[in-house]
Every structure is written in structure tokens, then in C-alpha cells.
Amino acid sequence: MSDPNQEGEDFAKARRGRNIALALALVLFVVLVFVVTVVRLGGDVVSRPL
């Protein structure tokens, strides 16, 4: 790995962009799994009696 203190501004900006893209992809994946789960279980899951 390179030393973060010795790299240029371009490399730091590129890494920040990749980190943001990865975080966004992870959040979208979690939302997609949640939506698919709710759809597969059906809408009546929320109103089901305990």
C-alpha cells in the first residue's frame, strides 16, 4: 500500500470517489434486498396479528 501522506491530490480524490461509489452500491444493494423481501412476504406482513 502507498503512504497516504505521500500521494498526490489526484489519487486522494480518486480514492474518495471510489469509496463513495462503493458505499452507494452497498446501500442500494441493502435497499434492493429489503424491497425484494417485503414483496416476497407480501403486504399483509405488517398488519399480521402477533
N, C-alpha and C. Protein backbone atom coordinates (compact mmCIF):
# COMPACT_ATOMS: atom_id res chain seq x y z
N MET A 1 0.84 -1.17 0.00
CA MET A 1 0.00 0.00 0.00
C MET A 1 0.89 1.24 0.00
N SER A 2 0.35 2.29 -0.54
CA SER A 2 1.11 3.53 -0.57
C SER A 2 0.82 4.33 0.70
N ASP A 3 1.74 5.19 1.00
CA ASP A 3 1.60 6.05 2.17
C ASP A 3 0.65 7.19 1.83
N PRO A 4 -0.46 7.34 2.54
CA PRO A 4 -1.42 8.39 2.20
C PRO A 4 -0.84 9.79 2.31
N ASN A 5 0.19 9.96 3.12
CA ASN A 5 0.78 11.28 3.28
C ASN A 5 1.65 11.67 2.09
N GLN A 6 2.07 10.69 1.28
CA GLN A 6 2.97 10.95 0.17
C GLN A 6 2.27 10.97 -1.19
N GLU A 7 0.98 10.74 -1.24
CA GLU A 7 0.29 10.68 -2.52
C GLU A 7 -0.23 12.06 -2.91
N GLY A 8 -0.51 12.20 -4.18
CA GLY A 8 -0.98 13.48 -4.68
C GLY A 8 -2.46 13.68 -4.45
N GLU A 9 -2.90 14.88 -4.75
CA GLU A 9 -4.31 15.24 -4.59
C GLU A 9 -5.19 14.44 -5.53
N ASP A 10 -4.68 14.13 -6.73
CA ASP A 10 -5.47 13.36 -7.70
C ASP A 10 -5.78 11.96 -7.18
N PHE A 11 -4.78 11.33 -6.56
CA PHE A 11 -5.00 9.98 -6.03
C PHE A 11 -6.00 9.99 -4.89
N ALA A 12 -5.89 10.98 -4.02
CA ALA A 12 -6.82 11.08 -2.89
C ALA A 12 -8.24 11.32 -3.39
N LYS A 13 -8.38 12.17 -4.41
CA LYS A 13 -9.70 12.45 -4.97
C LYS A 13 -10.28 11.20 -5.63
N ALA A 14 -9.45 10.44 -6.33
CA ALA A 14 -9.90 9.21 -6.97
C ALA A 14 -10.33 8.19 -5.92
N ARG A 15 -9.58 8.06 -4.84
CA ARG A 15 -9.94 7.11 -3.79
C ARG A 15 -11.26 7.52 -3.13
N ARG A 16 -11.43 8.81 -2.88
CA ARG A 16 -12.69 9.30 -2.30
C ARG A 16 -13.86 8.97 -3.21
N GLY A 17 -13.68 9.14 -4.50
CA GLY A 17 -14.75 8.83 -5.45
C GLY A 17 -15.09 7.35 -5.44
N ARG A 18 -14.06 6.49 -5.38
CA ARG A 18 -14.32 5.05 -5.32
C ARG A 18 -15.02 4.67 -4.03
N ASN A 19 -14.61 5.28 -2.92
CA ASN A 19 -15.25 4.97 -1.64
C ASN A 19 -16.72 5.38 -1.65
N ILE A 20 -17.02 6.52 -2.22
CA ILE A 20 -18.41 6.97 -2.29
C ILE A 20 -19.22 6.04 -3.18
N ALA A 21 -18.63 5.62 -4.32
CA ALA A 21 -19.34 4.71 -5.22
C ALA A 21 -19.59 3.37 -4.54
N LEU A 22 -18.62 2.85 -3.81
CA LEU A 22 -18.81 1.58 -3.10
C LEU A 22 -19.89 1.70 -2.02
N ALA A 23 -19.87 2.80 -1.28
CA ALA A 23 -20.88 3.00 -0.24
C ALA A 23 -22.27 3.10 -0.85
N LEU A 24 -22.39 3.81 -1.95
CA LEU A 24 -23.68 3.93 -2.62
C LEU A 24 -24.16 2.58 -3.15
N ALA A 25 -23.25 1.81 -3.72
CA ALA A 25 -23.62 0.48 -4.22
C ALA A 25 -24.08 -0.42 -3.08
N LEU A 26 -23.40 -0.36 -1.94
CA LEU A 26 -23.79 -1.17 -0.80
C LEU A 26 -25.17 -0.78 -0.28
N VAL A 27 -25.43 0.51 -0.18
CA VAL A 27 -26.74 0.98 0.29
C VAL A 27 -27.83 0.56 -0.69
N LEU A 28 -27.58 0.69 -1.98
CA LEU A 28 -28.58 0.27 -2.97
C LEU A 28 -28.84 -1.23 -2.91
N PHE A 29 -27.80 -2.02 -2.66
CA PHE A 29 -27.97 -3.47 -2.54
C PHE A 29 -28.83 -3.81 -1.33
N VAL A 30 -28.58 -3.15 -0.21
CA VAL A 30 -29.37 -3.41 1.00
C VAL A 30 -30.83 -3.02 0.77
N VAL A 31 -31.06 -1.89 0.12
CA VAL A 31 -32.44 -1.47 -0.16
C VAL A 31 -33.11 -2.46 -1.10
N LEU A 32 -32.38 -2.94 -2.10
CA LEU A 32 -32.94 -3.91 -3.03
C LEU A 32 -33.32 -5.21 -2.32
N VAL A 33 -32.47 -5.70 -1.45
CA VAL A 33 -32.77 -6.92 -0.69
C VAL A 33 -33.99 -6.70 0.20
N PHE A 34 -34.09 -5.54 0.82
CA PHE A 34 -35.23 -5.23 1.68
C PHE A 34 -36.52 -5.22 0.86
N VAL A 35 -36.51 -4.55 -0.29
CA VAL A 35 -37.71 -4.45 -1.12
C VAL A 35 -38.11 -5.83 -1.63
N VAL A 36 -37.16 -6.62 -2.08
CA VAL A 36 -37.48 -7.97 -2.57
C VAL A 36 -38.06 -8.81 -1.43
N THR A 37 -37.52 -8.68 -0.24
CA THR A 37 -38.03 -9.44 0.91
C THR A 37 -39.47 -9.04 1.23
N VAL A 38 -39.75 -7.74 1.25
CA VAL A 38 -41.11 -7.27 1.55
C VAL A 38 -42.08 -7.74 0.47
N VAL A 39 -41.67 -7.68 -0.78
CA VAL A 39 -42.55 -8.11 -1.87
C VAL A 39 -42.82 -9.60 -1.78
N ARG A 40 -41.80 -10.38 -1.49
CA ARG A 40 -42.00 -11.84 -1.41
C ARG A 40 -42.85 -12.23 -0.22
N LEU A 41 -42.72 -11.52 0.89
CA LEU A 41 -43.53 -11.84 2.06
C LEU A 41 -44.96 -11.35 1.90
N GLY A 42 -45.16 -10.35 1.12
CA GLY A 42 -46.49 -9.81 0.89
C GLY A 42 -46.75 -8.58 1.75
N GLY A 43 -47.75 -7.84 1.38
CA GLY A 43 -48.04 -6.60 2.07
C GLY A 43 -48.74 -6.79 3.41
N ASP A 44 -49.30 -7.97 3.66
CA ASP A 44 -50.06 -8.20 4.89
C ASP A 44 -49.16 -8.53 6.08
N VAL A 45 -47.88 -8.58 5.89
CA VAL A 45 -46.98 -8.92 6.98
C VAL A 45 -47.06 -7.88 8.09
N VAL A 46 -47.20 -6.62 7.71
CA VAL A 46 -47.23 -5.53 8.70
C VAL A 46 -48.50 -5.62 9.55
N SER A 47 -49.62 -5.98 8.98
CA SER A 47 -50.88 -5.99 9.70
C SER A 47 -51.20 -7.35 10.31
N ARG A 48 -50.24 -8.25 10.29
CA ARG A 48 -50.45 -9.59 10.84
C ARG A 48 -50.56 -9.53 12.36
N PRO A 49 -51.47 -10.26 12.98
CA PRO A 49 -51.56 -10.23 14.46
C PRO A 49 -50.36 -10.96 15.08
N LEU A 50 -49.97 -10.47 16.25
CA LEU A 50 -48.85 -11.09 16.95
C LEU A 50 -49.36 -12.25 17.69
